[in-house]
Amino acid sequence: MASHFTRVPSLYPINAFMAVVREAGHEVVRNVQAPDALIGMNLINAMAMACQGLIDVKLPTGQVRPVSQNLLIVAESGERKSTVSSLLFAPFREADSQALVCHKHKKDLYHAELGAWQAKAKGFRNAISRATSRGLETADLEQQLLDHSSRKPVAPKLRYFLRQDITGKAIMEALEGDGESIAISTDEGHILFKSEAMSHLGLLNRLWDSPETLLRDRADEQLLAMNPRVSVSIMTQHAPLKAFLDKRGSVAKGSGHWARYLVGWPPSTMGHRRVDCETPSWEYLPAFHDRIRELLERYRTTIESNRVEREQIEFTRDAKDRWVQLAVETEGMLRAGGYLSDINDFAAKVMEILARLAAAMHYFGGESGGISLDTLERAFQIVRWHVEEYKYLFSPEAAAPEDLVDARAIASYLQSRVWGGPCSDTYVPKNHVLRNGPVRDRSRLNAALSLLELRWAVRITVGTRDRKCYLQLRNDFFNQHQLAI
């Protein structure tokens, strides 16, 4: 049974996506040279955001669930997180900019209409007051005022997708109404970790679950969100993630917060990226953008009509049978000592995550009918990759110790910033690494360097003249494309 979740190669399964997504993904990989998993996970995020307001997925168990996704991507500074985000989310930013311009126009019109409405209302009240003072009948005037009150202009709602530093109240305000859809997305995870939103993990958990109604009831206000849809995407460096986990990790893990995420910590591409002066050619990304724009326009038309009825995507018979088979196998792996027993929180949700992804891939790819067995298998290739990443980041047994995490970060820094190349004889002062490298704590640096020395990555020496400590970088180790630590 465990064969379905055995460790897979570190390359992200971009080929598993449908054609319009797959080709765009490969093109971004070629032109940007960022880690493939960083690009692949942002493709998932873009699909989920574009589809979540339009469709739900009907599980083989009969439950109807949203297709929104939560993603946690760990990548250090310099991995081109912002570039990838800027490229893949361009249609969302365009839509948000257009929404802001349109909202300003609607707001100006609203204020003009409200002024006229208030003037008429004042006229009715004055007329009623004058009639009353003269002892005249006011029933007709009161009815006119009542009718007029029912025609009070409604303030326009500003709808935009991409939110970053957002409070719990602002989330509820954005979702107030029926069928609203937003995305909490950032390529600077440390900002979100410090935001007020991350102190409301219970709210974020409920948003992933997407309840039919969500109420914020306070003495001064009452906000009601019906059938909301929210995706969360966090791209972060490891240090702020670790700081958040050290501070609130037990709460986040105990509440099942991270179990709702597809997570990834891909190998760095720094030091292996080609340098050329050619202008990148974009043949496939525009088609990906066009599909997003088409779905965003479809959602805008739907939400503004005040008739939100999401299409339910179901599985074909053979895909349903396969999903059930995988669910049975997953359940068996949750037993004590089973392959998934150390990440049972994530494993308990993985089949729903799989269904959500399969439905989004199906709809975004323009497939007709039910979700096919082929689409389910494609989604499963991707989710299987993320199972290993979740074990690596959150399993008590598989979590990387601090000295190993530091050693990897230091090795990446030495390879990309210091090492002179395959035929070099590179030495670097230890204090230089302490001052400029990714690990600035001396005791942690010493522990990481000891591990690198054991792995034959560096040799620690003392200068014959200045008696300072130096690191000699071993060419055989640093000449690898992916550093084996």
Protein backbone atom coordinates (compact mmCIF):
# COMPACT_ATOMS: atom_id res chain seq x y z
CA MET A 1 0.00 0.00 0.00
CA ALA A 2 2.78 2.41 0.84
CA SER A 3 3.95 2.25 -2.77
CA HIS A 4 1.45 4.99 -3.62
CA PHE A 5 3.21 7.39 -1.27
CA THR A 6 6.84 6.37 -1.62
CA ARG A 7 9.36 9.17 -1.96
CA VAL A 8 9.34 10.71 -5.41
CA PRO A 9 12.12 12.59 -7.24
CA SER A 10 12.65 16.17 -6.15
CA LEU A 11 11.65 17.50 -9.56
CA TYR A 12 8.18 18.97 -9.35
CA PRO A 13 5.63 17.14 -11.55
CA ILE A 14 4.76 20.10 -13.77
CA ASN A 15 4.06 17.63 -16.59
CA ALA A 16 1.04 16.45 -14.61
CA PHE A 17 -0.82 19.71 -15.22
CA MET A 18 -3.24 20.11 -18.13
CA ALA A 19 -1.81 21.52 -21.36
CA VAL A 20 -2.49 25.26 -20.94
CA VAL A 21 -1.04 25.21 -17.41
CA ARG A 22 1.77 22.76 -18.16
CA GLU A 23 3.18 24.70 -21.11
CA ALA A 24 3.02 28.01 -19.23
CA GLY A 25 4.79 26.39 -16.28
CA HIS A 26 7.65 25.03 -18.38
CA GLU A 27 8.01 28.41 -20.06
CA VAL A 28 8.32 30.21 -16.71
CA VAL A 29 10.84 27.59 -15.55
CA ARG A 30 12.95 28.21 -18.67
CA ASN A 31 12.77 31.99 -18.62
CA VAL A 32 12.90 32.72 -14.89
CA GLN A 33 14.96 29.71 -13.68
CA ALA A 34 13.29 29.73 -10.28
CA PRO A 35 12.76 26.42 -8.42
CA ASP A 36 10.26 24.30 -10.33
CA ALA A 37 8.14 23.62 -7.23
CA LEU A 38 7.86 27.34 -6.50
CA ILE A 39 6.45 27.80 -10.00
CA GLY A 40 4.25 24.70 -9.83
CA MET A 41 2.68 25.71 -6.52
CA ASN A 42 1.94 29.19 -7.81
CA LEU A 43 0.22 27.58 -10.80
CA ILE A 44 -2.01 25.69 -8.35
CA ASN A 45 -2.72 28.93 -6.51
CA ALA A 46 -3.67 30.75 -9.71
CA MET A 47 -6.00 27.92 -10.78
CA ALA A 48 -7.67 27.75 -7.38
CA MET A 49 -8.21 31.52 -7.23
CA ALA A 50 -9.68 31.62 -10.73
CA CYS A 51 -12.02 28.66 -10.15
CA GLN A 52 -13.09 28.89 -6.50
CA GLY A 53 -15.84 31.45 -7.06
CA LEU A 54 -17.36 29.47 -9.93
CA ILE A 55 -17.29 25.77 -9.00
CA ASP A 56 -17.43 23.29 -6.14
CA VAL A 57 -16.44 19.62 -6.23
CA LYS A 58 -18.74 16.77 -5.24
CA LEU A 59 -16.71 14.10 -3.47
CA PRO A 60 -17.46 10.42 -4.07
CA THR A 61 -18.78 10.43 -0.48
CA GLY A 62 -21.49 12.88 -1.53
CA GLN A 63 -20.05 15.95 0.24
CA VAL A 64 -19.83 19.17 -1.75
CA ARG A 65 -16.58 21.00 -1.09
CA PRO A 66 -14.85 24.15 -2.41
CA VAL A 67 -11.81 24.05 -4.72
CA SER A 68 -9.84 26.74 -2.87
CA GLN A 69 -6.33 25.76 -1.79
CA ASN A 70 -3.86 26.81 0.91
CA LEU A 71 -0.17 26.74 0.00
CA LEU A 72 3.04 27.23 1.99
CA ILE A 73 6.21 27.68 -0.07
CA VAL A 74 9.63 27.95 1.59
CA ALA A 75 12.26 29.66 -0.56
CA GLU A 76 15.14 31.87 0.45
CA SER A 77 15.88 35.41 -0.68
CA GLY A 78 17.04 35.49 -4.29
CA GLU A 79 14.90 32.57 -5.48
CA ARG A 80 12.77 34.99 -7.57
CA LYS A 81 9.55 34.54 -5.62
CA SER A 82 8.35 38.04 -6.53
CA THR A 83 9.16 37.54 -10.21
CA VAL A 84 7.16 34.32 -10.38
CA SER A 85 4.27 35.88 -8.50
CA SER A 86 4.29 38.94 -10.76
CA LEU A 87 4.21 36.82 -13.92
CA LEU A 88 1.58 34.25 -12.95
CA PHE A 89 -0.77 36.57 -11.06
CA ALA A 90 -0.71 39.44 -13.57
CA PRO A 91 -4.39 38.96 -14.58
CA PHE A 92 -5.49 39.15 -10.94
CA ARG A 93 -3.57 42.37 -10.41
CA GLU A 94 -5.05 43.78 -13.62
CA ALA A 95 -8.55 42.87 -12.44
CA ASP A 96 -7.86 44.42 -9.04
CA SER A 97 -6.61 47.65 -10.65
CA GLN A 98 -9.68 47.82 -12.89
CA ALA A 99 -11.91 47.16 -9.88
CA LEU A 100 -10.34 50.09 -8.02
CA VAL A 101 -10.89 52.46 -10.97
CA CYS A 102 -14.44 51.23 -11.49
CA HIS A 103 -15.18 51.50 -7.75
CA LYS A 104 -14.07 55.13 -7.70
CA HIS A 105 -16.49 55.92 -10.51
CA LYS A 106 -19.32 54.00 -8.81
CA LYS A 107 -18.57 55.70 -5.50
CA ASP A 108 -18.74 59.18 -7.07
CA LEU A 109 -22.07 58.25 -8.66
CA TYR A 110 -23.32 56.82 -5.36
CA HIS A 111 -22.50 60.02 -3.45
CA ALA A 112 -24.35 62.08 -6.05
CA GLU A 113 -27.40 59.79 -5.89
CA LEU A 114 -27.25 59.70 -2.08
CA GLY A 115 -27.19 63.51 -1.92
CA ALA A 116 -30.26 63.72 -4.11
CA TRP A 117 -32.00 61.01 -2.09
CA GLN A 118 -31.22 62.76 1.19
CA ALA A 119 -32.53 66.08 -0.17
CA LYS A 120 -35.82 64.45 -1.20
CA ALA A 121 -36.09 62.68 2.16
CA LYS A 122 -35.54 65.99 3.92
CA GLY A 123 -38.26 67.55 1.76
CA PHE A 124 -40.75 64.83 2.74
CA ARG A 125 -39.92 65.24 6.43
CA ASN A 126 -40.29 69.01 6.23
CA ALA A 127 -43.63 68.63 4.46
CA ILE A 128 -44.84 66.21 7.15
CA SER A 129 -43.70 68.63 9.84
CA ARG A 130 -45.53 71.57 8.21
CA ALA A 131 -48.71 69.54 7.69
CA THR A 132 -48.64 68.34 11.29
CA SER A 133 -48.22 71.89 12.63
CA ARG A 134 -51.32 72.92 10.63
CA GLY A 135 -53.36 69.94 11.78
CA LEU A 136 -53.52 68.43 8.26
CA GLU A 137 -53.60 64.73 7.32
CA THR A 138 -50.09 63.31 6.72
CA ALA A 139 -50.80 59.68 5.77
CA ASP A 140 -50.01 60.19 2.05
CA LEU A 141 -46.80 62.07 2.83
CA GLU A 142 -45.69 59.38 5.29
CA GLN A 143 -46.32 56.67 2.69
CA GLN A 144 -44.29 58.63 0.14
CA LEU A 145 -41.44 58.94 2.66
CA LEU A 146 -41.64 55.22 3.37
CA ASP A 147 -41.54 54.40 -0.34
CA HIS A 148 -38.65 56.80 -0.78
CA SER A 149 -36.74 55.20 2.11
CA SER A 150 -36.87 51.83 0.34
CA ARG A 151 -35.11 53.36 -2.65
CA LYS A 152 -32.04 54.53 -0.72
CA PRO A 153 -28.92 54.09 -2.89
CA VAL A 154 -26.73 51.16 -1.89
CA ALA A 155 -23.03 51.86 -1.39
CA PRO A 156 -20.94 50.02 -4.00
CA LYS A 157 -18.78 47.14 -2.76
CA LEU A 158 -15.10 47.16 -3.62
CA ARG A 159 -14.17 43.65 -4.73
CA TYR A 160 -10.57 42.65 -5.29
CA PHE A 161 -8.78 39.33 -4.97
CA LEU A 162 -5.26 39.70 -3.68
CA ARG A 163 -4.99 40.60 0.01
CA GLN A 164 -1.82 40.68 2.12
CA ASP A 165 -1.60 42.26 5.57
CA ILE A 166 -5.26 41.81 6.51
CA THR A 167 -7.09 41.76 9.84
CA GLY A 168 -9.82 39.37 10.88
CA LYS A 169 -12.36 42.19 10.60
CA ALA A 170 -11.15 43.14 7.12
CA ILE A 171 -11.46 39.51 6.00
CA MET A 172 -15.08 39.45 7.14
CA GLU A 173 -15.80 42.81 5.50
CA ALA A 174 -14.38 41.51 2.22
CA LEU A 175 -16.50 38.37 2.43
CA GLU A 176 -19.73 40.02 3.61
CA GLY A 177 -22.60 39.06 1.34
CA ASP A 178 -23.14 35.92 -0.70
CA GLY A 179 -20.50 34.06 -2.69
CA GLU A 180 -17.57 36.45 -2.24
CA SER A 181 -14.13 35.16 -3.24
CA ILE A 182 -10.70 36.47 -2.18
CA ALA A 183 -7.11 35.28 -1.87
CA ILE A 184 -4.73 36.04 0.99
CA SER A 185 -1.44 35.91 -0.87
CA THR A 186 2.07 37.15 -0.11
CA ASP A 187 5.62 36.56 -1.30
CA GLU A 188 6.88 38.11 1.96
CA GLY A 189 5.73 35.55 4.52
CA HIS A 190 7.26 37.39 7.47
CA ILE A 191 4.71 40.19 6.95
CA LEU A 192 1.77 37.79 7.08
CA PHE A 193 3.18 35.89 10.07
CA LYS A 194 3.25 39.15 12.02
CA SER A 195 -0.18 40.26 10.81
CA GLU A 196 -3.36 40.18 12.83
CA ALA A 197 -4.80 37.60 10.43
CA MET A 198 -2.41 34.89 11.66
CA SER A 199 -3.65 35.40 15.20
CA HIS A 200 -7.05 34.17 14.00
CA LEU A 201 -6.11 30.64 12.99
CA GLY A 202 -9.59 29.42 13.86
CA LEU A 203 -11.08 31.85 11.33
CA LEU A 204 -8.58 30.83 8.66
CA ASN A 205 -9.36 27.17 9.31
CA ARG A 206 -13.08 27.80 8.92
CA LEU A 207 -12.47 29.73 5.71
CA TRP A 208 -10.69 26.69 4.23
CA ASP A 209 -13.64 24.57 5.31
CA SER A 210 -15.90 27.18 3.64
CA PRO A 211 -19.03 27.04 5.83
CA GLU A 212 -22.38 28.08 4.38
CA THR A 213 -22.51 31.02 6.79
CA LEU A 214 -19.84 32.85 8.75
CA LEU A 215 -20.89 35.48 11.30
CA ARG A 216 -18.89 38.16 13.05
CA ASP A 217 -21.14 39.43 15.82
CA ARG A 218 -19.87 42.38 17.83
CA ALA A 219 -21.62 44.99 19.95
CA ASP A 220 -20.95 47.67 17.33
CA GLU A 221 -21.43 45.63 14.15
CA GLN A 222 -22.67 42.40 12.64
CA LEU A 223 -21.05 40.96 9.50
CA LEU A 224 -22.51 37.94 7.72
CA ALA A 225 -20.66 36.05 4.99
CA MET A 226 -22.53 33.34 3.08
CA ASN A 227 -20.75 30.69 1.01
CA PRO A 228 -17.37 32.49 1.08
CA ARG A 229 -14.31 31.19 -0.78
CA VAL A 230 -10.75 31.99 0.32
CA SER A 231 -7.36 30.67 -0.82
CA VAL A 232 -4.19 31.34 1.19
CA SER A 233 -0.71 31.36 -0.33
CA ILE A 234 2.38 32.07 1.76
CA MET A 235 5.84 32.29 0.21
CA THR A 236 8.42 32.68 2.95
CA GLN A 237 12.04 32.23 3.86
CA HIS A 238 12.77 29.50 6.37
CA ALA A 239 13.87 31.81 9.21
CA PRO A 240 10.55 33.70 9.63
CA LEU A 241 8.63 30.43 9.26
CA LYS A 242 10.72 28.87 12.00
CA ALA A 243 10.24 31.95 14.21
CA PHE A 244 6.47 31.66 13.74
CA LEU A 245 6.53 27.93 14.45
CA ASP A 246 8.64 28.49 17.57
CA LYS A 247 6.15 31.08 18.82
CA ARG A 248 2.82 29.64 17.69
CA GLY A 249 3.70 26.28 16.21
CA SER A 250 1.91 24.18 18.80
CA VAL A 251 -1.29 26.18 18.33
CA ALA A 252 -1.10 26.05 14.54
CA LYS A 253 -0.29 22.34 14.50
CA GLY A 254 -2.78 21.45 17.23
CA SER A 255 -5.59 23.28 15.44
CA GLY A 256 -4.86 21.44 12.21
CA HIS A 257 -3.97 24.69 10.46
CA TRP A 258 -0.98 23.44 8.47
CA ALA A 259 -2.83 20.20 7.65
CA ARG A 260 -4.94 22.33 5.29
CA TYR A 261 -1.89 23.33 3.22
CA LEU A 262 0.07 21.92 0.33
CA VAL A 263 3.64 22.66 1.43
CA GLY A 264 6.96 22.68 -0.38
CA TRP A 265 10.61 23.49 0.27
CA PRO A 266 12.27 23.04 -3.14
CA PRO A 267 16.03 22.90 -3.74
CA SER A 268 17.64 26.21 -4.64
CA THR A 269 18.54 27.07 -8.23
CA MET A 270 20.98 29.81 -7.22
CA GLY A 271 24.43 29.20 -8.63
CA HIS A 272 23.06 27.11 -11.50
CA ARG A 273 21.14 29.71 -13.49
CA ARG A 274 22.42 30.60 -16.96
CA VAL A 275 23.18 34.23 -17.72
CA ASP A 276 22.33 35.60 -21.15
CA CYS A 277 21.20 38.83 -22.76
CA GLU A 278 18.34 37.43 -24.81
CA THR A 279 14.88 38.81 -24.29
CA PRO A 280 12.62 36.02 -22.94
CA SER A 281 10.07 34.69 -25.40
CA TRP A 282 6.55 34.19 -24.05
CA GLU A 283 4.53 31.89 -26.29
CA TYR A 284 2.41 29.97 -23.76
CA LEU A 285 2.03 32.28 -20.76
CA PRO A 286 -0.42 34.59 -22.60
CA ALA A 287 -2.83 31.66 -23.12
CA PHE A 288 -2.65 30.91 -19.38
CA HIS A 289 -3.40 34.59 -18.66
CA ASP A 290 -6.30 34.60 -21.12
CA ARG A 291 -7.91 31.62 -19.37
CA ILE A 292 -7.63 33.37 -16.00
CA ARG A 293 -9.16 36.55 -17.44
CA GLU A 294 -12.03 34.54 -18.93
CA LEU A 295 -12.83 32.95 -15.57
CA LEU A 296 -12.47 36.23 -13.67
CA GLU A 297 -14.91 37.91 -16.05
CA ARG A 298 -17.30 34.99 -15.62
CA TYR A 299 -17.08 35.36 -11.84
CA ARG A 300 -17.51 39.15 -11.99
CA THR A 301 -20.65 38.80 -14.07
CA THR A 302 -22.02 36.17 -11.69
CA ILE A 303 -21.32 38.02 -8.44
CA GLU A 304 -22.70 41.32 -9.75
CA SER A 305 -25.91 39.60 -10.83
CA ASN A 306 -26.55 38.66 -7.18
CA ARG A 307 -27.30 35.09 -8.29
CA VAL A 308 -24.38 32.99 -7.12
CA GLU A 309 -24.89 29.38 -8.14
CA ARG A 310 -21.62 27.49 -8.39
CA GLU A 311 -21.39 24.58 -10.78
CA GLN A 312 -20.85 21.23 -9.04
CA ILE A 313 -18.08 19.17 -10.62
CA GLU A 314 -18.41 15.41 -10.14
CA PHE A 315 -16.16 12.42 -10.84
CA THR A 316 -16.72 9.93 -13.61
CA ARG A 317 -17.43 6.35 -12.51
CA ASP A 318 -13.86 5.06 -12.94
CA ALA A 319 -12.36 8.18 -11.33
CA LYS A 320 -14.74 7.78 -8.39
CA ASP A 321 -13.67 4.15 -7.95
CA ARG A 322 -10.00 5.16 -8.03
CA TRP A 323 -10.57 7.94 -5.49
CA VAL A 324 -12.27 5.48 -3.13
CA GLN A 325 -9.40 3.01 -3.57
CA LEU A 326 -6.86 5.69 -2.68
CA ALA A 327 -8.96 6.75 0.31
CA VAL A 328 -9.02 3.16 1.63
CA GLU A 329 -5.25 2.84 1.21
CA THR A 330 -4.68 6.19 2.89
CA GLU A 331 -6.81 5.15 5.85
CA GLY A 332 -4.75 1.98 6.22
CA MET A 333 -1.53 4.00 6.30
CA LEU A 334 -2.82 5.98 9.29
CA ARG A 335 -2.47 2.97 11.61
CA ALA A 336 0.27 3.07 14.24
CA GLY A 337 3.60 2.65 12.48
CA GLY A 338 1.98 3.23 9.08
CA TYR A 339 3.54 5.44 6.45
CA LEU A 340 1.21 8.36 7.18
CA SER A 341 0.85 7.87 10.93
CA ASP A 342 3.37 10.62 11.71
CA ILE A 343 1.39 13.17 9.66
CA ASN A 344 -2.12 11.94 10.40
CA ASP A 345 -3.48 15.51 10.55
CA PHE A 346 -2.55 16.16 6.92
CA ALA A 347 -3.36 12.63 5.79
CA ALA A 348 -6.90 13.03 7.14
CA LYS A 349 -7.46 15.89 4.68
CA VAL A 350 -5.31 14.76 1.75
CA MET A 351 -8.12 13.05 -0.16
CA GLU A 352 -10.24 16.20 -0.06
CA ILE A 353 -7.23 18.27 -1.15
CA LEU A 354 -6.75 15.81 -4.01
CA ALA A 355 -10.39 16.19 -5.09
CA ARG A 356 -10.18 19.98 -4.91
CA LEU A 357 -7.07 20.01 -7.10
CA ALA A 358 -8.52 17.55 -9.62
CA ALA A 359 -11.69 19.65 -9.99
CA ALA A 360 -9.74 22.89 -10.49
CA MET A 361 -7.48 21.23 -13.07
CA HIS A 362 -10.53 19.84 -14.87
CA TYR A 363 -12.41 23.15 -14.99
CA PHE A 364 -9.43 25.40 -15.68
CA GLY A 365 -8.37 23.07 -18.49
CA GLY A 366 -11.78 23.45 -20.12
CA GLU A 367 -12.64 19.75 -19.80
CA SER A 368 -16.27 18.72 -20.26
CA GLY A 369 -18.32 16.19 -18.30
CA GLY A 370 -17.05 14.70 -15.04
CA ILE A 371 -13.50 14.59 -13.70
CA SER A 372 -11.77 11.83 -15.66
CA LEU A 373 -9.51 9.12 -14.29
CA ASP A 374 -6.62 10.71 -16.20
CA THR A 375 -7.17 14.09 -14.50
CA LEU A 376 -7.41 12.43 -11.07
CA GLU A 377 -4.14 10.57 -11.66
CA ARG A 378 -2.47 13.81 -12.73
CA ALA A 379 -3.64 15.55 -9.59
CA PHE A 380 -2.47 12.58 -7.54
CA GLN A 381 1.08 12.86 -8.95
CA ILE A 382 1.19 16.43 -7.65
CA VAL A 383 -0.34 15.71 -4.24
CA ARG A 384 2.00 12.73 -3.73
CA TRP A 385 4.97 15.08 -4.12
CA HIS A 386 3.51 17.32 -1.42
CA VAL A 387 3.01 14.41 1.00
CA GLU A 388 6.79 13.99 1.12
CA GLU A 389 7.29 17.71 1.65
CA TYR A 390 4.80 17.75 4.50
CA LYS A 391 6.63 14.87 6.16
CA TYR A 392 9.90 16.73 5.75
CA LEU A 393 8.62 19.99 7.22
CA PHE A 394 6.18 18.82 9.89
CA SER A 395 6.67 15.15 10.73
CA PRO A 396 8.14 14.74 14.24
CA GLU A 397 10.27 11.89 12.89
CA ALA A 398 11.35 13.43 9.61
CA ALA A 399 11.70 17.10 10.58
CA ALA A 400 15.17 18.31 9.70
CA PRO A 401 17.31 19.19 12.78
CA GLU A 402 18.56 22.74 13.13
CA ASP A 403 22.19 21.97 12.25
CA LEU A 404 21.09 20.26 9.01
CA VAL A 405 18.83 23.16 8.03
CA ASP A 406 21.64 25.63 8.76
CA ALA A 407 24.19 23.48 6.92
CA ARG A 408 22.03 23.46 3.79
CA ALA A 409 21.55 27.22 3.91
CA ILE A 410 25.28 27.84 4.41
CA ALA A 411 26.25 25.41 1.63
CA SER A 412 23.84 27.15 -0.75
CA TYR A 413 25.31 30.53 0.20
CA LEU A 414 28.89 29.31 -0.24
CA GLN A 415 28.10 27.75 -3.61
CA SER A 416 26.29 30.79 -5.05
CA ARG A 417 28.25 33.65 -3.47
CA VAL A 418 31.75 32.43 -2.60
CA TRP A 419 32.87 29.33 -4.51
CA GLY A 420 35.19 30.10 -7.43
CA GLY A 421 34.25 27.20 -9.70
CA PRO A 422 35.28 23.61 -10.54
CA CYS A 423 39.01 24.35 -10.92
CA SER A 424 39.32 26.83 -8.06
CA ASP A 425 41.02 26.56 -4.71
CA THR A 426 38.57 28.70 -2.75
CA TYR A 427 39.23 29.81 0.83
CA VAL A 428 36.97 32.10 2.82
CA PRO A 429 37.40 33.47 6.35
CA LYS A 430 34.98 31.91 8.80
CA ASN A 431 34.15 35.36 10.19
CA HIS A 432 33.15 36.48 6.69
CA VAL A 433 30.57 33.69 6.58
CA LEU A 434 29.40 34.62 10.09
CA ARG A 435 28.96 38.30 9.13
CA ASN A 436 27.48 37.82 5.65
CA GLY A 437 26.03 34.34 5.50
CA PRO A 438 22.54 33.08 6.39
CA VAL A 439 23.48 31.97 9.94
CA ARG A 440 24.66 34.81 12.21
CA ASP A 441 24.69 32.91 15.51
CA ARG A 442 28.23 31.65 16.24
CA SER A 443 27.25 28.44 18.04
CA ARG A 444 24.78 27.48 15.29
CA LEU A 445 27.39 28.28 12.65
CA ASN A 446 29.93 26.03 14.37
CA ALA A 447 27.44 23.16 14.55
CA ALA A 448 26.55 23.53 10.87
CA LEU A 449 30.20 23.75 9.80
CA SER A 450 30.99 20.60 11.77
CA LEU A 451 28.30 18.81 9.77
CA LEU A 452 29.63 20.21 6.47
CA GLU A 453 33.11 19.07 7.43
CA LEU A 454 31.79 15.56 8.10
CA ARG A 455 30.12 15.58 4.66
CA TRP A 456 33.42 16.58 3.01
CA ALA A 457 32.00 19.90 1.90
CA VAL A 458 34.58 22.10 3.63
CA ARG A 459 37.90 21.78 5.39
CA ILE A 460 38.45 24.07 8.38
CA THR A 461 42.00 25.43 8.56
CA VAL A 462 44.00 28.12 10.36
CA GLY A 463 46.03 30.66 8.36
CA THR A 464 49.78 30.26 8.87
CA ARG A 465 50.37 34.00 9.01
CA ASP A 466 47.28 35.66 10.45
CA ARG A 467 46.17 32.63 12.54
CA LYS A 468 42.57 33.26 11.46
CA CYS A 469 40.10 30.45 10.81
CA TYR A 470 39.37 29.72 7.13
CA LEU A 471 37.05 27.39 5.23
CA GLN A 472 38.41 25.59 2.20
CA LEU A 473 35.58 24.76 -0.20
CA ARG A 474 35.94 21.26 -1.70
CA ASN A 475 35.30 21.33 -5.45
CA ASP A 476 33.88 17.81 -5.66
CA PHE A 477 31.09 18.78 -3.30
CA PHE A 478 30.25 22.23 -4.63
CA ASN A 479 30.35 21.07 -8.27
CA GLN A 480 27.06 19.19 -7.72
CA HIS A 481 23.86 20.67 -9.21
CA GLN A 482 21.93 19.72 -6.06
CA LEU A 483 24.09 19.71 -2.95
CA ALA A 484 23.78 16.36 -1.17
CA ILE A 485 23.70 17.14 2.54
